[in-house]
Amino acid sequence: MISCESSVCTLHITDTGGSHSFPAMERLAIQKGQAFILVFSVTDKLSYDRLVSYYNHITSVKTNSMPQTPVIIVGNKCDASERDVETSDGLRLSKQWKCPYIETSAKQNHNTRQLFEQLFQQEKRRKMTLDADQNAKKSKKSRSANLKRKCVMM
């Protein structure tokens, strides 16, 4: 449970770590996932390079709902003195995938709260958009239903 902007949200985190023994379980986790945090270590270029295949896998499973699905790219271990991945690399991916990028340090608890706050902001915007779309569809249906019930004479 986490508090964000006077709301209490329940967060269920599935850490795939890219090591699911069963591809079907990984696919199910992606299908049920409402938001995705793609984490790499700034000290490990290979972990950064793997993000592309994870992102592609998520988009192939989510297909139609992907444009509305919140995604955040996270460069972890930003407290490390030696980096293999620069901030500009993370920003480039975030621009390409049209999602936020944030650097964190789990060890020093740097930007971890901000990460989840950003995720909830994205989810809130998505929900507001989906609600607006559903309300528009409902009003169109109710207008057409009302028209069907009326008799028009000329």
C-alpha atoms as a PDB file:
ATOM      1  CA  MET A   1       0.000   0.000   0.000  1.00  0.00           C
ATOM      2  CA  ILE A   2       1.264   3.455  -0.861  1.00  0.00           C
ATOM      3  CA  SER A   3      -0.106   6.933  -0.278  1.00  0.00           C
ATOM      4  CA  CYS A   4      -0.087   9.286  -3.237  1.00  0.00           C
ATOM      5  CA  GLU A   5      -1.834  12.661  -3.375  1.00  0.00           C
ATOM      6  CA  SER A   6      -4.269  11.931  -0.546  1.00  0.00           C
ATOM      7  CA  SER A   7      -5.139   8.559  -2.063  1.00  0.00           C
ATOM      8  CA  VAL A   8      -4.114   5.171  -0.790  1.00  0.00           C
ATOM      9  CA  CYS A   9      -3.308   2.724  -3.544  1.00  0.00           C
ATOM     10  CA  THR A  10      -2.593  -0.957  -3.404  1.00  0.00           C
ATOM     11  CA  LEU A  11       0.338  -1.937  -5.530  1.00  0.00           C
ATOM     12  CA  HIS A  12       0.956  -5.524  -6.571  1.00  0.00           C
ATOM     13  CA  ILE A  13       4.466  -5.897  -7.942  1.00  0.00           C
ATOM     14  CA  THR A  14       5.518  -8.856 -10.032  1.00  0.00           C
ATOM     15  CA  ASP A  15       9.281  -8.929 -10.368  1.00  0.00           C
ATOM     16  CA  THR A  16       9.985 -10.906 -13.491  1.00  0.00           C
ATOM     17  CA  GLY A  17      13.687 -10.146 -13.517  1.00  0.00           C
ATOM     18  CA  GLY A  18      13.653 -11.619 -16.997  1.00  0.00           C
ATOM     19  CA  SER A  19      14.072 -15.067 -15.540  1.00  0.00           C
ATOM     20  CA  HIS A  20      10.643 -16.678 -15.659  1.00  0.00           C
ATOM     21  CA  SER A  21      11.067 -20.401 -16.016  1.00  0.00           C
ATOM     22  CA  PHE A  22       7.733 -20.625 -17.778  1.00  0.00           C
ATOM     23  CA  PRO A  23       7.102 -18.283 -20.723  1.00  0.00           C
ATOM     24  CA  ALA A  24       3.339 -18.712 -20.271  1.00  0.00           C
ATOM     25  CA  MET A  25       3.588 -17.307 -16.733  1.00  0.00           C
ATOM     26  CA  GLU A  26       5.563 -14.320 -17.995  1.00  0.00           C
ATOM     27  CA  ARG A  27       2.971 -13.720 -20.710  1.00  0.00           C
ATOM     28  CA  LEU A  28       0.167 -13.899 -18.145  1.00  0.00           C
ATOM     29  CA  ALA A  29       1.960 -11.400 -15.885  1.00  0.00           C
ATOM     30  CA  ILE A  30       2.256  -9.029 -18.851  1.00  0.00           C
ATOM     31  CA  GLN A  31      -1.379  -9.491 -19.886  1.00  0.00           C
ATOM     32  CA  LYS A  32      -2.598  -8.727 -16.368  1.00  0.00           C
ATOM     33  CA  GLY A  33      -0.082  -5.909 -15.802  1.00  0.00           C
ATOM     34  CA  GLN A  34      -1.547  -2.410 -15.735  1.00  0.00           C
ATOM     35  CA  ALA A  35       1.793  -0.593 -15.635  1.00  0.00           C
ATOM     36  CA  PHE A  36       5.419  -1.485 -16.238  1.00  0.00           C
ATOM     37  CA  ILE A  37       8.650  -0.349 -14.633  1.00  0.00           C
ATOM     38  CA  LEU A  38      11.594  -1.334 -16.802  1.00  0.00           C
ATOM     39  CA  VAL A  39      14.704  -1.280 -14.615  1.00  0.00           C
ATOM     40  CA  PHE A  40      18.335  -1.532 -15.621  1.00  0.00           C
ATOM     41  CA  SER A  41      21.559  -0.946 -13.753  1.00  0.00           C
ATOM     42  CA  VAL A  42      23.598   2.075 -14.848  1.00  0.00           C
ATOM     43  CA  THR A  43      26.665  -0.049 -14.013  1.00  0.00           C
ATOM     44  CA  ASP A  44      25.676  -2.868 -16.400  1.00  0.00           C
ATOM     45  CA  LYS A  45      25.328  -2.114 -20.122  1.00  0.00           C
ATOM     46  CA  LEU A  46      23.914  -5.581 -20.785  1.00  0.00           C
ATOM     47  CA  SER A  47      20.953  -4.908 -18.462  1.00  0.00           C
ATOM     48  CA  TYR A  48      20.266  -1.720 -20.448  1.00  0.00           C
ATOM     49  CA  ASP A  49      20.506  -3.563 -23.772  1.00  0.00           C
ATOM     50  CA  ARG A  50      17.996  -6.188 -22.560  1.00  0.00           C
ATOM     51  CA  LEU A  51      15.319  -3.511 -22.024  1.00  0.00           C
ATOM     52  CA  VAL A  52      14.616  -3.423 -25.749  1.00  0.00           C
ATOM     53  CA  SER A  53      13.646  -7.104 -25.867  1.00  0.00           C
ATOM     54  CA  TYR A  54      11.521  -6.748 -22.685  1.00  0.00           C
ATOM     55  CA  TYR A  55       9.757  -3.723 -24.103  1.00  0.00           C
ATOM     56  CA  ASN A  56       9.162  -5.458 -27.435  1.00  0.00           C
ATOM     57  CA  HIS A  57       7.774  -8.499 -25.623  1.00  0.00           C
ATOM     58  CA  ILE A  58       5.415  -6.322 -23.584  1.00  0.00           C
ATOM     59  CA  THR A  59       4.187  -4.478 -26.678  1.00  0.00           C
ATOM     60  CA  SER A  60       3.618  -7.751 -28.528  1.00  0.00           C
ATOM     61  CA  VAL A  61       1.475  -9.067 -25.665  1.00  0.00           C
ATOM     62  CA  LYS A  62      -0.377  -5.819 -24.888  1.00  0.00           C
ATOM     63  CA  THR A  63      -0.840  -4.833 -28.591  1.00  0.00           C
ATOM     64  CA  ASN A  64      -3.958  -2.584 -28.632  1.00  0.00           C
ATOM     65  CA  SER A  65      -3.736  -1.379 -25.026  1.00  0.00           C
ATOM     66  CA  MET A  66      -0.033  -0.518 -25.119  1.00  0.00           C
ATOM     67  CA  PRO A  67      -0.426   3.170 -26.048  1.00  0.00           C
ATOM     68  CA  GLN A  68      -2.428   3.733 -22.836  1.00  0.00           C
ATOM     69  CA  THR A  69      -0.289   1.508 -20.608  1.00  0.00           C
ATOM     70  CA  PRO A  70       1.979   3.412 -18.194  1.00  0.00           C
ATOM     71  CA  VAL A  71       5.655   2.575 -18.660  1.00  0.00           C
ATOM     72  CA  ILE A  72       8.623   4.078 -16.839  1.00  0.00           C
ATOM     73  CA  ILE A  73      12.284   3.406 -17.567  1.00  0.00           C
ATOM     74  CA  VAL A  74      14.472   3.330 -14.466  1.00  0.00           C
ATOM     75  CA  GLY A  75      18.245   3.562 -14.317  1.00  0.00           C
ATOM     76  CA  ASN A  76      19.094   2.072 -10.913  1.00  0.00           C
ATOM     77  CA  LYS A  77      22.362   2.362  -8.949  1.00  0.00           C
ATOM     78  CA  CYS A  78      22.810   6.035  -9.839  1.00  0.00           C
ATOM     79  CA  ASP A  79      24.904   6.315  -6.657  1.00  0.00           C
ATOM     80  CA  ALA A  80      27.661   4.184  -8.235  1.00  0.00           C
ATOM     81  CA  SER A  81      30.945   5.891  -9.011  1.00  0.00           C
ATOM     82  CA  GLU A  82      31.483   4.019 -12.283  1.00  0.00           C
ATOM     83  CA  ARG A  83      28.794   3.939 -14.945  1.00  0.00           C
ATOM     84  CA  ASP A  84      28.456   1.867 -18.089  1.00  0.00           C
ATOM     85  CA  VAL A  85      25.222   3.621 -19.141  1.00  0.00           C
ATOM     86  CA  GLU A  86      24.901   7.395 -19.312  1.00  0.00           C
ATOM     87  CA  THR A  87      21.814   9.412 -18.447  1.00  0.00           C
ATOM     88  CA  SER A  88      21.564  10.444 -22.102  1.00  0.00           C
ATOM     89  CA  ASP A  89      21.084   6.762 -23.072  1.00  0.00           C
ATOM     90  CA  GLY A  90      18.092   6.421 -20.755  1.00  0.00           C
ATOM     91  CA  LEU A  91      16.642   9.703 -22.001  1.00  0.00           C
ATOM     92  CA  ARG A  92      17.038   8.555 -25.606  1.00  0.00           C
ATOM     93  CA  LEU A  93      15.023   5.391 -24.908  1.00  0.00           C
ATOM     94  CA  SER A  94      12.395   7.357 -23.022  1.00  0.00           C
ATOM     95  CA  LYS A  95      11.968   9.702 -25.978  1.00  0.00           C
ATOM     96  CA  GLN A  96      11.764   6.778 -28.395  1.00  0.00           C
ATOM     97  CA  TRP A  97       9.151   4.936 -26.281  1.00  0.00           C
ATOM     98  CA  LYS A  98       7.364   8.136 -25.197  1.00  0.00           C
ATOM     99  CA  CYS A  99       7.648   7.384 -21.494  1.00  0.00           C
ATOM    100  CA  PRO A 100       9.410   8.941 -18.498  1.00  0.00           C
ATOM    101  CA  TYR A 101      12.951   8.139 -17.432  1.00  0.00           C
ATOM    102  CA  ILE A 102      14.175   8.421 -13.863  1.00  0.00           C
ATOM    103  CA  GLU A 103      17.408   7.441 -12.152  1.00  0.00           C
ATOM    104  CA  THR A 104      17.209   5.876  -8.714  1.00  0.00           C
ATOM    105  CA  SER A 105      19.336   4.354  -6.013  1.00  0.00           C
ATOM    106  CA  ALA A 106      17.609   1.569  -4.133  1.00  0.00           C
ATOM    107  CA  LYS A 107      20.591   1.466  -1.776  1.00  0.00           C
ATOM    108  CA  GLN A 108      20.242   5.135  -0.799  1.00  0.00           C
ATOM    109  CA  ASN A 109      16.469   5.306  -1.362  1.00  0.00           C
ATOM    110  CA  HIS A 110      17.029   8.089  -3.906  1.00  0.00           C
ATOM    111  CA  ASN A 111      14.037   8.863  -6.188  1.00  0.00           C
ATOM    112  CA  THR A 112      12.205   5.643  -5.290  1.00  0.00           C
ATOM    113  CA  ARG A 113       9.150   7.486  -3.979  1.00  0.00           C
ATOM    114  CA  GLN A 114       9.213   9.815  -7.006  1.00  0.00           C
ATOM    115  CA  LEU A 115       9.266   6.776  -9.280  1.00  0.00           C
ATOM    116  CA  PHE A 116       6.000   5.436  -7.858  1.00  0.00           C
ATOM    117  CA  GLU A 117       4.443   8.891  -7.763  1.00  0.00           C
ATOM    118  CA  GLN A 118       5.190   9.281 -11.486  1.00  0.00           C
ATOM    119  CA  LEU A 119       3.723   5.860 -12.156  1.00  0.00           C
ATOM    120  CA  PHE A 120       0.516   6.742 -10.306  1.00  0.00           C
ATOM    121  CA  GLN A 121       0.270  10.045 -12.187  1.00  0.00           C
ATOM    122  CA  GLN A 122       0.475   8.165 -15.478  1.00  0.00           C
ATOM    123  CA  GLU A 123      -2.135   5.651 -14.302  1.00  0.00           C
ATOM    124  CA  LYS A 124      -4.439   8.446 -13.129  1.00  0.00           C
ATOM    125  CA  ARG A 125      -4.195  10.196 -16.530  1.00  0.00           C
ATOM    126  CA  ARG A 126      -4.844   6.880 -18.294  1.00  0.00           C
ATOM    127  CA  LYS A 127      -7.878   6.164 -16.128  1.00  0.00           C
ATOM    128  CA  MET A 128      -9.268   9.656 -16.702  1.00  0.00           C
ATOM    129  CA  THR A 129      -8.854   9.195 -20.462  1.00  0.00           C
ATOM    130  CA  LEU A 130     -10.474   5.764 -20.397  1.00  0.00           C
ATOM    131  CA  ASP A 131     -13.364   7.060 -18.250  1.00  0.00           C
ATOM    132  CA  ALA A 132     -13.908   9.976 -20.642  1.00  0.00           C
ATOM    133  CA  ASP A 133     -13.902   7.591 -23.624  1.00  0.00           C
ATOM    134  CA  GLN A 134     -16.385   5.269 -21.917  1.00  0.00           C
ATOM    135  CA  ASN A 135     -18.661   8.159 -20.961  1.00  0.00           C
ATOM    136  CA  ALA A 136     -18.604   9.426 -24.549  1.00  0.00           C
ATOM    137  CA  LYS A 137     -19.511   5.965 -25.831  1.00  0.00           C
ATOM    138  CA  LYS A 138     -22.313   5.669 -23.268  1.00  0.00           C
ATOM    139  CA  SER A 139     -23.760   9.047 -24.196  1.00  0.00           C
ATOM    140  CA  LYS A 140     -23.698   8.140 -27.914  1.00  0.00           C
ATOM    141  CA  LYS A 141     -25.455   4.859 -27.122  1.00  0.00           C
ATOM    142  CA  SER A 142     -28.049   6.558 -24.932  1.00  0.00           C
ATOM    143  CA  ARG A 143     -28.700   9.229 -27.610  1.00  0.00           C
ATOM    144  CA  SER A 144     -29.195   6.587 -30.274  1.00  0.00           C
ATOM    145  CA  ALA A 145     -31.367   4.537 -27.888  1.00  0.00           C
ATOM    146  CA  ASN A 146     -33.476   7.632 -27.170  1.00  0.00           C
ATOM    147  CA  LEU A 147     -33.811   8.328 -30.874  1.00  0.00           C
ATOM    148  CA  LYS A 148     -34.971   4.770 -31.525  1.00  0.00           C
ATOM    149  CA  ARG A 149     -37.713   5.176 -28.955  1.00  0.00           C
ATOM    150  CA  LYS A 150     -39.064   8.313 -30.598  1.00  0.00           C
ATOM    151  CA  CYS A 151     -41.217   8.453 -33.632  1.00  0.00           C
ATOM    152  CA  VAL A 152     -40.262  11.108 -36.144  1.00  0.00           C
ATOM    153  CA  MET A 153     -42.954  12.355 -38.472  1.00  0.00           C
ATOM    154  CA  MET A 154     -42.610  14.682 -41.428  1.00  0.00           C
END
